[in-house]
C-alpha atoms as a PDB file:
ATOM      1  CA  MET A   1      80.801  68.766  34.953  1.00  0.00           C
ATOM      2  CA  LEU A   2      79.672  71.669  37.858  1.00  0.00           C
ATOM      3  CA  LYS A   3      78.265  69.411  39.947  1.00  0.00           C
ATOM      4  CA  GLY A   4      81.071  66.949  39.675  1.00  0.00           C
ATOM      5  CA  LYS A   5      83.436  69.722  41.286  1.00  0.00           C
ATOM      6  CA  VAL A   6      80.880  69.906  43.369  1.00  0.00           C
ATOM      7  CA  ALA A   7      80.810  66.904  44.106  1.00  0.00           C
ATOM      8  CA  GLU A   8      84.220  66.368  44.301  1.00  0.00           C
ATOM      9  CA  LYS A   9      84.739  68.898  46.907  1.00  0.00           C
ATOM     10  CA  GLU A  10      82.216  67.647  49.418  1.00  0.00           C
ATOM     11  CA  GLN A  11      83.807  64.647  49.368  1.00  0.00           C
ATOM     12  CA  ALA A  12      87.138  66.203  49.810  1.00  0.00           C
ATOM     13  CA  GLU A  13      85.852  68.414  52.228  1.00  0.00           C
ATOM     14  CA  GLU A  14      84.153  65.292  54.127  1.00  0.00           C
ATOM     15  CA  LEU A  15      87.448  63.133  53.602  1.00  0.00           C
ATOM     16  CA  ALA A  16      89.034  66.337  55.203  1.00  0.00           C
ATOM     17  CA  GLU A  17      86.227  66.639  57.571  1.00  0.00           C
ATOM     18  CA  GLN A  18      86.847  62.787  59.340  1.00  0.00           C
ATOM     19  CA  LYS A  19      90.844  63.272  58.619  1.00  0.00           C
ATOM     20  CA  PHE A  20      90.642  66.000  61.186  1.00  0.00           C
ATOM     21  CA  LYS A  21      88.382  64.213  63.724  1.00  0.00           C
ATOM     22  CA  VAL A  22      90.479  61.301  63.371  1.00  0.00           C
ATOM     23  CA  GLU A  23      93.491  63.193  64.198  1.00  0.00           C
ATOM     24  CA  LEU A  24      91.250  65.064  67.587  1.00  0.00           C
ATOM     25  CA  ALA A  25      90.865  60.943  68.625  1.00  0.00           C
ATOM     26  CA  VAL A  26      94.457  60.394  68.240  1.00  0.00           C
ATOM     27  CA  ARG A  27      95.398  63.604  69.854  1.00  0.00           C
ATOM     28  CA  ASP A  28      92.639  62.751  72.783  1.00  0.00           C
ATOM     29  CA  LYS A  29      93.709  59.058  73.074  1.00  0.00           C
ATOM     30  CA  GLU A  30      97.533  60.290  73.106  1.00  0.00           C
ATOM     31  CA  TRP A  31      96.636  63.305  75.512  1.00  0.00           C
ATOM     32  CA  ALA A  32      95.035  60.979  78.152  1.00  0.00           C
ATOM     33  CA  LYS A  33      97.791  58.655  77.901  1.00  0.00           C
ATOM     34  CA  THR A  34     100.078  61.345  78.783  1.00  0.00           C
ATOM     35  CA  SER A  35      97.928  62.758  81.131  1.00  0.00           C
ATOM     36  CA  SER A  36      96.778  59.033  83.076  1.00  0.00           C
ATOM     37  CA  ASP A  37     101.364  59.172  83.108  1.00  0.00           C
ATOM     38  CA  LYS A  38     101.322  62.072  84.770  1.00  0.00           C
ATOM     39  CA  GLU A  39      99.009  61.160  86.998  1.00  0.00           C
ATOM     40  CA  ASP A  40     100.638  58.277  87.806  1.00  0.00           C
ATOM     41  CA  GLU A  41     104.234  60.049  88.290  1.00  0.00           C
ATOM     42  CA  LEU A  42     102.389  62.649  90.387  1.00  0.00           C
ATOM     43  CA  SER A  43     100.950  60.009  92.701  1.00  0.00           C
ATOM     44  CA  GLU A  44     104.523  58.377  93.103  1.00  0.00           C
ATOM     45  CA  LEU A  45     105.934  62.156  93.699  1.00  0.00           C
ATOM     46  CA  LYS A  46     103.094  62.552  96.501  1.00  0.00           C
ATOM     47  CA  GLN A  47     104.268  59.286  97.899  1.00  0.00           C
ATOM     48  CA  LYS A  48     108.231  59.879  97.872  1.00  0.00           C
ATOM     49  CA  PHE A  49     106.983  63.202  98.920  1.00  0.00           C
ATOM     50  CA  LYS A  50     105.094  61.967 102.054  1.00  0.00           C
ATOM     51  CA  ASP A  51     107.787  59.413 103.063  1.00  0.00           C
ATOM     52  CA  LEU A  52     110.462  62.022 103.115  1.00  0.00           C
ATOM     53  CA  ILE A  53     108.492  63.691 105.268  1.00  0.00           C
ATOM     54  CA  MET A  54     107.996  60.776 107.675  1.00  0.00           C
ATOM     55  CA  ILE A  55     112.642  60.213 107.342  1.00  0.00           C
ATOM     56  CA  TYR A  56     112.364  64.110 108.580  1.00  0.00           C
ATOM     57  CA  LYS A  57     109.379  64.028 111.544  1.00  0.00           C
ATOM     58  CA  LYS A  58     111.908  60.596 112.256  1.00  0.00           C
ATOM     59  CA  ASN A  59     115.214  62.361 112.307  1.00  0.00           C
ATOM     60  CA  LYS A  60     113.625  65.405 114.276  1.00  0.00           C
ATOM     61  CA  ARG A  61     112.640  64.007 116.528  1.00  0.00           C
ATOM     62  CA  GLU A  62     116.005  61.587 116.678  1.00  0.00           C
ATOM     63  CA  LEU A  63     117.377  64.800 116.876  1.00  0.00           C
ATOM     64  CA  GLU A  64     115.871  66.642 119.643  1.00  0.00           C
ATOM     65  CA  GLU A  65     116.198  62.810 121.659  1.00  0.00           C
ATOM     66  CA  ALA A  66     120.002  63.588 121.020  1.00  0.00           C
ATOM     67  CA  LYS A  67     120.044  67.133 121.734  1.00  0.00           C
ATOM     68  CA  VAL A  68     118.156  65.652 125.208  1.00  0.00           C
ATOM     69  CA  GLN A  69     120.707  63.497 126.088  1.00  0.00           C
ATOM     70  CA  LEU A  70     123.641  65.768 125.083  1.00  0.00           C
ATOM     71  CA  ARG A  71     122.132  68.897 127.909  1.00  0.00           C
ATOM     72  CA  GLU A  72     122.238  65.074 130.778  1.00  0.00           C
ATOM     73  CA  SER A  73     125.228  64.197 129.613  1.00  0.00           C
ATOM     74  CA  GLU A  74     126.574  67.765 130.250  1.00  0.00           C
ATOM     75  CA  ASP A  75     124.576  68.173 133.158  1.00  0.00           C
ATOM     76  CA  VAL A  76     126.616  64.934 135.295  1.00  0.00           C
ATOM     77  CA  ILE A  77     129.696  65.974 133.682  1.00  0.00           C
ATOM     78  CA  GLU A  78     129.157  69.453 135.518  1.00  0.00           C
ATOM     79  CA  ASN A  79     127.849  67.507 138.290  1.00  0.00           C
ATOM     80  CA  TYR A  80     131.466  65.405 138.273  1.00  0.00           C
ATOM     81  CA  LYS A  81     133.559  68.465 137.617  1.00  0.00           C
ATOM     82  CA  GLY A  82     131.866  69.692 140.931  1.00  0.00           C
ATOM     83  CA  LEU A  83     132.540  66.640 142.858  1.00  0.00           C
ATOM     84  CA  MET A  84     136.522  66.719 141.373  1.00  0.00           C
ATOM     85  CA  ASN A  85     136.824  70.188 142.567  1.00  0.00           C
ATOM     86  CA  THR A  86     135.510  69.525 146.329  1.00  0.00           C
ATOM     87  CA  LEU A  87     137.380  66.531 146.581  1.00  0.00           C
ATOM     88  CA  THR A  88     140.612  68.464 145.724  1.00  0.00           C
ATOM     89  CA  HIS A  89     139.826  71.415 148.337  1.00  0.00           C
ATOM     90  CA  ALA A  90     139.002  68.611 150.460  1.00  0.00           C
ATOM     91  CA  LYS A  91     142.494  66.755 149.808  1.00  0.00           C
ATOM     92  CA  ASP A  92     144.077  70.380 150.154  1.00  0.00           C
ATOM     93  CA  LYS A  93     143.010  70.791 153.812  1.00  0.00           C
ATOM     94  CA  ALA A  94     143.251  67.336 154.517  1.00  0.00           C
ATOM     95  CA  LEU A  95     147.024  67.515 153.498  1.00  0.00           C
ATOM     96  CA  GLU A  96     147.495  71.000 155.352  1.00  0.00           C
ATOM     97  CA  GLU A  97     145.841  69.759 158.729  1.00  0.00           C
ATOM     98  CA  LEU A  98     148.276  66.229 157.894  1.00  0.00           C
ATOM     99  CA  GLU A  99     151.385  69.446 158.015  1.00  0.00           C
ATOM    100  CA  LYS A 100     150.205  70.985 161.302  1.00  0.00           C
ATOM    101  CA  ALA A 101     149.964  67.879 163.198  1.00  0.00           C
ATOM    102  CA  ASP A 102     153.492  66.422 161.798  1.00  0.00           C
ATOM    103  CA  SER A 103     154.595  69.955 163.032  1.00  0.00           C
ATOM    104  CA  LYS A 104     153.280  69.328 166.061  1.00  0.00           C
ATOM    105  CA  ILE A 105     154.306  66.053 166.017  1.00  0.00           C
ATOM    106  CA  PHE A 106     157.913  67.465 165.649  1.00  0.00           C
ATOM    107  CA  GLY A 107     157.691  70.198 167.949  1.00  0.00           C
ATOM    108  CA  LEU A 108     156.508  67.789 170.559  1.00  0.00           C
ATOM    109  CA  MET A 109     159.365  65.490 170.354  1.00  0.00           C
ATOM    110  CA  LYS A 110     161.741  68.149 169.834  1.00  0.00           C
ATOM    111  CA  THR A 111     160.265  69.290 172.867  1.00  0.00           C
ATOM    112  CA  LEU A 112     160.779  65.834 174.277  1.00  0.00           C
ATOM    113  CA  ASN A 113     164.029  65.710 173.490  1.00  0.00           C
ATOM    114  CA  VAL A 114     163.847  62.556 171.897  1.00  0.00           C
ATOM    115  CA  LEU A 115     165.187  63.700 168.855  1.00  0.00           C
END
């Protein structure tokens, strides 16, 4: 009877050990699948990050080009303003000279009694 209980206990321990090994194998398999899924997810995230970096670099480059074009446009506007100021000054001078000439002509005509 004692041998039967010892054998029964050994058999129960062996079954428990086998059950434990099966549970470990199942957990290992699940972990491997989870690990593989996580690695795939990580790879996807790395690729998305690389794509975002490329987009950032492209946008940064385009922004720098736009800044250069803006500076060039501002220079053109400043040159235009300077040119307009010069033309306005020249027009004002021409009007002054025209008024002087008109005044002289009026004075000469008055002197000649043409009026």
